[in-house]
Amino acid sequence: DQAAVWADAASLCEEAAGLDRQQLLATEEFRQIAAAQGSLKYTYTFGVGLVMLMRAVGETELSPPPRTVTSGITAWCTALDLRFATRLASDYTRPLSIDGIGRFDFYSESGLEDASLVSIGQEGSF
């Protein structure tokens, strides 16, 4: 149910906004992710949600940095024992768009760019 998904996402982002990184990583939801010990399967939707939560707690250095600095994505994936930091970083730097739904936009409040702005046949779209 789309309404339930949006409500859950809004609730989690609202909760995260009052926390810092360590506090969010200590929540039950994130402890369950870490307990999966790297067996969690990556989905684009999970990646978008994780990035939105990173931003909600004030993470600013998400994109892959020079090799001498650890990015937020790398640090979070390490803390959660997630083995898809490279994939998530790639998705972050080149967001997916789906015709009729919109383009994931890591800078908008909702996480989605208006579907009317997404052109059919654009690179990165379905």
Foldseek 3Di string as FASTA:
>chain_A
DVVVVLVVLVVLLVVLLVDAPVVNCPDPVNVVLLVCQAPDDDDVVVLLSVLLSNVSNPQDFAADDPPVDDGPLRVSCVSSNHDCSVVSNVCQVPWAAEAPFATQDSPDPSRGDDNVVDDPPDPRYD
